[in-house]
Structures are given as structure tokens and as C-alpha cells.
Amino acid sequence: MASVRLNDSEKYIENFLYEGYLSVFMAKQLGKKLNMSFDEFINRPRHQIELMLKVANQFSKMEEAAANNAMDAVKSANEKVKRMDDN
């Protein structure tokens, strides 16, 4: 059987989305959030994957903003308590 090799000019690895999708899937813990395996995720049509990633990014931004707001509220409360202790 003859072996088949990709042409280097195709830059297959540079255009390969699998690694990027896997990195995002792991980093954003999409398996837990979407209740699916990576195989289930990657076997969806590309437009569905892109939509899932877009929504995941939106939720990540909202979660980050909420965490920042909570931290600001805690800092503010701590500063008030400190001022009360100083008086």
C-alpha cells in the first residue's frame, strides 16, 4: 500500500482547527458547562462549534465582570470597616 503525504505547501498543521478547539474546550471547561465530551463537541458542524465558542466567550466575560464587581464590593466594605475601626 502506498503511503499518502500531505503537501507541505498546504500548511495543514497551521490551518488545523482541532488543536485550537481543544485548547478552548479545556480552558473554558466546556465539557462541564455543555455536558458533552470533546468528541461530541468536535463532531458538530463548524457553524455550531463557532456559535458555542462565541456564547462561551460572552459568558466568560459576564462571569469575569461579576467576579470583578464582587471583589470591588468586598474591597469597599473592607475599607469602610477599616475607617470605622480607625475612628
Protein backbone atom coordinates (compact mmCIF):
# COMPACT_ATOMS: atom_id res chain seq x y z
CA MET A 1 0.00 0.00 0.00
CA ALA A 2 1.36 3.38 -0.95
CA SER A 3 1.61 5.99 1.75
CA VAL A 4 -0.04 9.33 1.21
CA ARG A 5 1.56 12.50 2.42
CA LEU A 6 0.18 16.00 2.60
CA ASN A 7 1.93 18.60 0.54
CA ASP A 8 3.96 20.99 2.73
CA SER A 9 2.54 23.96 0.85
CA GLU A 10 -0.92 23.11 2.20
CA LYS A 11 0.31 24.08 5.69
CA TYR A 12 -2.10 21.54 7.09
CA ILE A 13 -0.96 21.98 10.70
CA GLU A 14 -1.24 25.79 10.58
CA ASN A 15 -4.82 25.53 9.30
CA PHE A 16 -5.81 22.70 11.60
CA LEU A 17 -8.53 23.90 13.97
CA TYR A 18 -8.56 20.79 16.15
CA GLU A 19 -5.78 21.95 18.49
CA GLY A 20 -7.31 25.40 18.92
CA TYR A 21 -10.75 23.97 19.63
CA LEU A 22 -9.26 21.51 22.11
CA SER A 23 -7.38 24.27 23.94
CA VAL A 24 -10.50 26.43 24.24
CA PHE A 25 -12.66 23.43 25.20
CA MET A 26 -10.28 22.59 28.03
CA ALA A 27 -9.55 26.15 29.19
CA LYS A 28 -13.19 27.18 29.35
CA GLN A 29 -14.27 23.81 30.79
CA LEU A 30 -16.89 23.47 28.08
CA GLY A 31 -17.28 19.77 28.76
CA LYS A 32 -18.77 20.52 32.17
CA LYS A 33 -20.70 23.57 31.04
CA LEU A 34 -22.21 21.93 27.95
CA ASN A 35 -22.36 18.42 29.43
CA MET A 36 -20.62 16.87 26.43
CA SER A 37 -17.36 15.21 25.57
CA PHE A 38 -14.81 16.78 23.29
CA ASP A 39 -15.66 14.16 20.65
CA GLU A 40 -19.33 15.22 20.76
CA PHE A 41 -18.25 18.85 20.54
CA ILE A 42 -15.80 18.45 17.67
CA ASN A 43 -18.19 16.29 15.63
CA ARG A 44 -20.73 19.11 15.37
CA PRO A 45 -20.86 21.27 12.25
CA ARG A 46 -18.35 24.09 12.29
CA HIS A 47 -21.00 26.81 12.48
CA GLN A 48 -22.37 25.22 15.67
CA ILE A 49 -18.90 25.00 17.20
CA GLU A 50 -18.22 28.64 16.39
CA LEU A 51 -21.55 29.65 17.93
CA MET A 52 -20.80 27.65 21.08
CA LEU A 53 -17.41 29.32 21.40
CA LYS A 54 -18.96 32.76 20.86
CA VAL A 55 -21.55 32.17 23.57
CA ALA A 56 -18.90 30.71 25.91
CA ASN A 57 -16.79 33.85 25.43
CA GLN A 58 -19.78 36.06 26.22
CA PHE A 59 -20.49 34.10 29.40
CA SER A 60 -16.82 34.19 30.39
CA LYS A 61 -16.84 37.98 30.07
CA MET A 62 -20.00 38.22 32.16
CA GLU A 63 -18.56 35.91 34.82
CA GLU A 64 -15.35 37.93 34.90
CA ALA A 65 -17.28 41.19 35.24
CA ALA A 66 -19.39 39.74 38.06
CA ALA A 67 -16.26 38.49 39.85
CA ASN A 68 -14.63 41.93 39.48
CA ASN A 69 -17.75 43.63 40.83
CA ALA A 70 -17.82 41.25 43.80
CA MET A 71 -14.15 41.92 44.53
CA ASP A 72 -14.75 45.68 44.32
CA ALA A 73 -17.67 45.36 46.74
CA VAL A 74 -15.56 43.36 49.20
CA LYS A 75 -12.72 45.88 48.99
CA SER A 76 -15.15 48.75 49.53
CA ALA A 77 -16.70 47.02 52.54
CA ASN A 78 -13.26 46.32 53.99
CA GLU A 79 -12.28 49.96 53.59
CA LYS A 80 -15.46 51.07 55.38
CA VAL A 81 -14.77 48.69 58.26
CA LYS A 82 -11.18 49.88 58.49
CA ARG A 83 -12.31 53.53 58.60
CA MET A 84 -14.81 52.69 61.32
CA ASP A 85 -12.07 50.94 63.32
CA ASP A 86 -9.78 53.96 62.92
CA ASN A 87 -12.44 56.28 64.38
